Amino acid sequence: MIAIRAAGPRDAEEIVRLRRLMFRAMNGRDEGGAWERNAVESARRQLSEEVPCLVGFVVEAKDGAGLAACAVGRVEERLPAPGHPSGLFGFVFTVCTDPAY
């Protein structure tokens, strides 16, 4: 059975690794660089917040070495509207499974 758990700050590097794989699959280019370091720092910080706006779910690799998959998104609070009386909106922007799985 596959165990899914909430992402935490310790998952930041693996989430960014999977995000890079997602971009490579989407545009056919492998574009590493400074954005990865910045993304790890940002993800770690945001996932560490007491009430995080950045949320994710991850599946650990079978061998325990990293993640097999992740889905990451954000909850934003905007002004309430007739169709959205809470003002809360969710956006999913990273979904990736390592090709090894």
N, C-alpha and C. Protein backbone atom coordinates (compact mmCIF):
# COMPACT_ATOMS: atom_id res chain seq x y z
N MET A 1 0.83 -1.18 0.00
CA MET A 1 0.00 0.00 0.00
C MET A 1 0.88 1.24 0.00
N ILE A 2 0.49 2.23 -0.74
CA ILE A 2 1.23 3.49 -0.83
C ILE A 2 0.81 4.39 0.32
N ALA A 3 1.80 4.89 1.06
CA ALA A 3 1.52 5.79 2.18
C ALA A 3 1.76 7.24 1.73
N ILE A 4 0.74 8.05 1.87
CA ILE A 4 0.82 9.46 1.53
C ILE A 4 0.84 10.24 2.84
N ARG A 5 1.70 11.24 2.91
CA ARG A 5 1.76 12.05 4.12
C ARG A 5 1.90 13.53 3.75
N ALA A 6 1.62 14.37 4.70
CA ALA A 6 1.79 15.81 4.48
C ALA A 6 3.28 16.13 4.36
N ALA A 7 3.59 17.03 3.48
CA ALA A 7 4.98 17.47 3.30
C ALA A 7 5.39 18.35 4.46
N GLY A 8 6.67 18.27 4.80
CA GLY A 8 7.23 19.11 5.85
C GLY A 8 8.50 19.77 5.36
N PRO A 9 9.10 20.62 6.19
CA PRO A 9 10.30 21.34 5.78
C PRO A 9 11.45 20.43 5.33
N ARG A 10 11.53 19.25 5.92
CA ARG A 10 12.62 18.33 5.54
C ARG A 10 12.47 17.78 4.12
N ASP A 11 11.30 17.96 3.52
CA ASP A 11 11.04 17.48 2.16
C ASP A 11 11.40 18.50 1.08
N ALA A 12 11.83 19.68 1.49
CA ALA A 12 12.03 20.77 0.53
C ALA A 12 12.96 20.40 -0.62
N GLU A 13 14.11 19.81 -0.33
CA GLU A 13 15.05 19.48 -1.41
C GLU A 13 14.46 18.48 -2.39
N GLU A 14 13.78 17.47 -1.89
CA GLU A 14 13.19 16.48 -2.78
C GLU A 14 12.02 17.05 -3.58
N ILE A 15 11.24 17.92 -2.97
CA ILE A 15 10.15 18.57 -3.71
C ILE A 15 10.71 19.36 -4.88
N VAL A 16 11.80 20.07 -4.64
CA VAL A 16 12.42 20.86 -5.71
C VAL A 16 13.03 19.94 -6.77
N ARG A 17 13.61 18.81 -6.37
CA ARG A 17 14.13 17.84 -7.35
C ARG A 17 13.00 17.35 -8.25
N LEU A 18 11.87 17.00 -7.64
CA LEU A 18 10.73 16.54 -8.43
C LEU A 18 10.17 17.66 -9.30
N ARG A 19 10.18 18.87 -8.79
CA ARG A 19 9.71 20.02 -9.57
C ARG A 19 10.57 20.20 -10.82
N ARG A 20 11.88 20.02 -10.67
CA ARG A 20 12.78 20.11 -11.83
C ARG A 20 12.43 19.03 -12.85
N LEU A 21 12.14 17.81 -12.38
CA LEU A 21 11.74 16.73 -13.30
C LEU A 21 10.44 17.10 -14.01
N MET A 22 9.51 17.73 -13.29
CA MET A 22 8.24 18.14 -13.89
C MET A 22 8.48 19.14 -15.02
N PHE A 23 9.32 20.14 -14.74
CA PHE A 23 9.61 21.14 -15.78
C PHE A 23 10.29 20.49 -16.98
N ARG A 24 11.21 19.56 -16.74
CA ARG A 24 11.89 18.87 -17.85
C ARG A 24 10.87 18.11 -18.70
N ALA A 25 9.92 17.45 -18.05
CA ALA A 25 8.89 16.71 -18.78
C ALA A 25 7.97 17.65 -19.56
N MET A 26 7.74 18.85 -19.02
CA MET A 26 6.83 19.80 -19.67
C MET A 26 7.46 20.49 -20.86
N ASN A 27 8.76 20.87 -20.75
CA ASN A 27 9.34 21.67 -21.83
C ASN A 27 10.52 21.01 -22.54
N GLY A 28 10.89 19.79 -22.14
CA GLY A 28 11.93 19.05 -22.84
C GLY A 28 13.35 19.52 -22.55
N ARG A 29 13.50 20.46 -21.61
CA ARG A 29 14.84 20.96 -21.27
C ARG A 29 15.07 20.77 -19.77
N ASP A 30 16.30 20.42 -19.43
CA ASP A 30 16.68 20.29 -18.02
C ASP A 30 17.38 21.59 -17.63
N GLU A 31 16.70 22.41 -16.85
CA GLU A 31 17.21 23.74 -16.54
C GLU A 31 17.45 23.91 -15.04
N GLY A 32 18.57 23.38 -14.59
CA GLY A 32 18.97 23.59 -13.21
C GLY A 32 19.50 25.00 -13.05
N GLY A 33 19.83 25.36 -11.81
CA GLY A 33 20.40 26.67 -11.60
C GLY A 33 20.08 27.21 -10.22
N ALA A 34 20.32 28.51 -10.06
CA ALA A 34 20.13 29.17 -8.77
C ALA A 34 18.69 29.09 -8.30
N TRP A 35 17.74 28.96 -9.21
CA TRP A 35 16.34 28.89 -8.81
C TRP A 35 16.10 27.72 -7.86
N GLU A 36 16.88 26.63 -8.01
CA GLU A 36 16.68 25.46 -7.15
C GLU A 36 17.03 25.78 -5.70
N ARG A 37 18.15 26.41 -5.48
CA ARG A 37 18.56 26.79 -4.12
C ARG A 37 17.52 27.73 -3.51
N ASN A 38 17.09 28.71 -4.31
CA ASN A 38 16.07 29.66 -3.84
C ASN A 38 14.76 28.94 -3.53
N ALA A 39 14.39 27.98 -4.36
CA ALA A 39 13.15 27.24 -4.16
C ALA A 39 13.22 26.37 -2.90
N VAL A 40 14.36 25.74 -2.66
CA VAL A 40 14.52 24.93 -1.45
C VAL A 40 14.36 25.81 -0.22
N GLU A 41 15.03 26.94 -0.21
CA GLU A 41 14.94 27.85 0.94
C GLU A 41 13.50 28.34 1.13
N SER A 42 12.84 28.69 0.05
CA SER A 42 11.46 29.18 0.12
C SER A 42 10.51 28.09 0.60
N ALA A 43 10.64 26.89 0.04
CA ALA A 43 9.77 25.78 0.44
C ALA A 43 10.00 25.43 1.91
N ARG A 44 11.24 25.36 2.32
CA ARG A 44 11.55 25.03 3.72
C ARG A 44 10.93 26.06 4.66
N ARG A 45 11.09 27.33 4.32
CA ARG A 45 10.54 28.40 5.15
C ARG A 45 9.02 28.34 5.19
N GLN A 46 8.40 28.21 4.02
CA GLN A 46 6.94 28.23 3.96
C GLN A 46 6.30 26.99 4.60
N LEU A 47 6.96 25.85 4.46
CA LEU A 47 6.43 24.63 5.08
C LEU A 47 6.67 24.61 6.59
N SER A 48 7.50 25.51 7.09
CA SER A 48 7.79 25.60 8.52
C SER A 48 6.84 26.53 9.26
N GLU A 49 6.04 27.30 8.54
CA GLU A 49 5.16 28.27 9.18
C GLU A 49 4.13 27.55 10.05
N GLU A 50 3.75 28.20 11.14
CA GLU A 50 2.80 27.59 12.08
C GLU A 50 1.49 27.21 11.38
N VAL A 51 1.00 28.09 10.55
CA VAL A 51 -0.16 27.80 9.71
C VAL A 51 0.30 28.02 8.27
N PRO A 52 0.85 26.98 7.65
CA PRO A 52 1.45 27.18 6.32
C PRO A 52 0.41 27.44 5.23
N CYS A 53 0.76 28.36 4.34
CA CYS A 53 -0.05 28.59 3.15
C CYS A 53 0.39 27.64 2.03
N LEU A 54 1.67 27.28 2.05
CA LEU A 54 2.19 26.28 1.11
C LEU A 54 1.91 24.92 1.72
N VAL A 55 1.23 24.07 0.98
CA VAL A 55 0.91 22.73 1.47
C VAL A 55 1.28 21.71 0.42
N GLY A 56 1.61 20.53 0.87
CA GLY A 56 1.97 19.48 -0.07
C GLY A 56 1.71 18.12 0.52
N PHE A 57 1.66 17.15 -0.36
CA PHE A 57 1.54 15.76 0.02
C PHE A 57 2.60 15.00 -0.74
N VAL A 58 3.24 14.05 -0.07
CA VAL A 58 4.37 13.34 -0.66
C VAL A 58 4.21 11.84 -0.46
N VAL A 59 4.89 11.10 -1.34
CA VAL A 59 5.02 9.65 -1.23
C VAL A 59 6.50 9.36 -1.16
N GLU A 60 6.93 8.68 -0.12
CA GLU A 60 8.34 8.36 0.03
C GLU A 60 8.73 7.23 -0.91
N ALA A 61 9.97 7.27 -1.37
CA ALA A 61 10.50 6.22 -2.23
C ALA A 61 10.54 4.91 -1.43
N LYS A 62 10.39 3.80 -2.13
CA LYS A 62 10.37 2.49 -1.48
C LYS A 62 11.63 2.22 -0.67
N ASP A 63 12.76 2.65 -1.18
CA ASP A 63 14.03 2.38 -0.49
C ASP A 63 14.33 3.40 0.61
N GLY A 64 13.42 4.36 0.80
CA GLY A 64 13.61 5.37 1.83
C GLY A 64 14.56 6.49 1.43
N ALA A 65 15.05 6.45 0.21
CA ALA A 65 16.00 7.47 -0.27
C ALA A 65 15.25 8.51 -1.09
N GLY A 66 14.61 9.45 -0.42
CA GLY A 66 13.94 10.53 -1.13
C GLY A 66 12.47 10.29 -1.32
N LEU A 67 11.90 11.03 -2.27
CA LEU A 67 10.47 10.96 -2.54
C LEU A 67 10.20 10.35 -3.90
N ALA A 68 9.13 9.60 -3.99
CA ALA A 68 8.69 9.04 -5.27
C ALA A 68 7.76 9.99 -5.99
N ALA A 69 6.99 10.80 -5.22
CA ALA A 69 6.02 11.69 -5.84
C ALA A 69 5.64 12.81 -4.88
N CYS A 70 5.11 13.89 -5.46
CA CYS A 70 4.61 14.98 -4.64
C CYS A 70 3.53 15.76 -5.39
N ALA A 71 2.72 16.43 -4.61
CA ALA A 71 1.76 17.41 -5.11
C ALA A 71 1.84 18.59 -4.15
N VAL A 72 2.02 19.78 -4.69
CA VAL A 72 2.22 20.97 -3.86
C VAL A 72 1.32 22.08 -4.37
N GLY A 73 0.78 22.81 -3.44
CA GLY A 73 -0.07 23.93 -3.80
C GLY A 73 -0.09 24.98 -2.71
N ARG A 74 -0.99 25.89 -2.84
CA ARG A 74 -1.03 27.03 -1.93
C ARG A 74 -2.47 27.41 -1.66
N VAL A 75 -2.73 27.81 -0.45
CA VAL A 75 -4.03 28.35 -0.08
C VAL A 75 -3.86 29.85 0.06
N GLU A 76 -4.67 30.60 -0.64
CA GLU A 76 -4.61 32.06 -0.58
C GLU A 76 -5.93 32.60 -0.06
N GLU A 77 -5.82 33.66 0.72
CA GLU A 77 -7.02 34.33 1.18
C GLU A 77 -7.17 35.63 0.40
N ARG A 78 -8.28 35.75 -0.26
CA ARG A 78 -8.61 36.96 -1.00
C ARG A 78 -9.87 37.55 -0.39
N LEU A 79 -10.32 38.63 -0.92
CA LEU A 79 -11.56 39.20 -0.43
C LEU A 79 -12.72 38.25 -0.75
N PRO A 80 -13.60 38.01 0.20
CA PRO A 80 -14.75 37.16 -0.08
C PRO A 80 -15.60 37.73 -1.22
N ALA A 81 -16.30 36.84 -1.88
CA ALA A 81 -17.17 37.20 -2.99
C ALA A 81 -18.42 36.34 -2.91
N PRO A 82 -19.45 36.67 -3.68
CA PRO A 82 -20.69 35.89 -3.60
C PRO A 82 -20.47 34.39 -3.81
N GLY A 83 -19.62 34.04 -4.74
CA GLY A 83 -19.36 32.62 -5.00
C GLY A 83 -18.30 32.01 -4.11
N HIS A 84 -17.61 32.83 -3.34
CA HIS A 84 -16.54 32.37 -2.46
C HIS A 84 -16.61 33.14 -1.14
N PRO A 85 -17.61 32.83 -0.31
CA PRO A 85 -17.82 33.63 0.89
C PRO A 85 -16.68 33.57 1.91
N SER A 86 -15.84 32.54 1.86
CA SER A 86 -14.70 32.47 2.80
C SER A 86 -13.52 33.29 2.30
N GLY A 87 -13.46 33.50 1.00
CA GLY A 87 -12.31 34.19 0.41
C GLY A 87 -11.10 33.30 0.25
N LEU A 88 -11.23 32.00 0.55
CA LEU A 88 -10.10 31.08 0.43
C LEU A 88 -10.10 30.41 -0.93
N PHE A 89 -8.92 30.37 -1.54
CA PHE A 89 -8.74 29.74 -2.85
C PHE A 89 -7.54 28.82 -2.78
N GLY A 90 -7.60 27.70 -3.47
CA GLY A 90 -6.46 26.79 -3.51
C GLY A 90 -5.92 26.67 -4.92
N PHE A 91 -4.61 26.60 -5.03
CA PHE A 91 -3.94 26.47 -6.33
C PHE A 91 -2.92 25.34 -6.24
N VAL A 92 -3.00 24.38 -7.12
CA VAL A 92 -2.02 23.30 -7.19
C VAL A 92 -1.10 23.61 -8.35
N PHE A 93 0.21 23.64 -8.11
CA PHE A 93 1.14 24.03 -9.17
C PHE A 93 2.32 23.10 -9.35
N THR A 94 2.44 22.07 -8.55
CA THR A 94 3.48 21.07 -8.76
C THR A 94 2.89 19.70 -8.49
N VAL A 95 2.89 18.85 -9.51
CA VAL A 95 2.50 17.46 -9.36
C VAL A 95 3.50 16.65 -10.16
N CYS A 96 4.21 15.76 -9.49
CA CYS A 96 5.23 15.00 -10.20
C CYS A 96 5.48 13.65 -9.54
N THR A 97 5.65 12.64 -10.37
CA THR A 97 6.10 11.32 -9.92
C THR A 97 7.42 11.05 -10.58
N ASP A 98 8.41 10.65 -9.81
CA ASP A 98 9.71 10.30 -10.36
C ASP A 98 9.52 9.18 -11.39
N PRO A 99 10.11 9.30 -12.57
CA PRO A 99 9.92 8.27 -13.61
C PRO A 99 10.34 6.86 -13.15
N ALA A 100 11.15 6.76 -12.11
CA ALA A 100 11.55 5.45 -11.60
C ALA A 100 10.36 4.70 -11.00
N TYR A 101 9.26 5.43 -10.76
CA TYR A 101 8.08 4.80 -10.15
C TYR A 101 6.92 4.80 -11.10
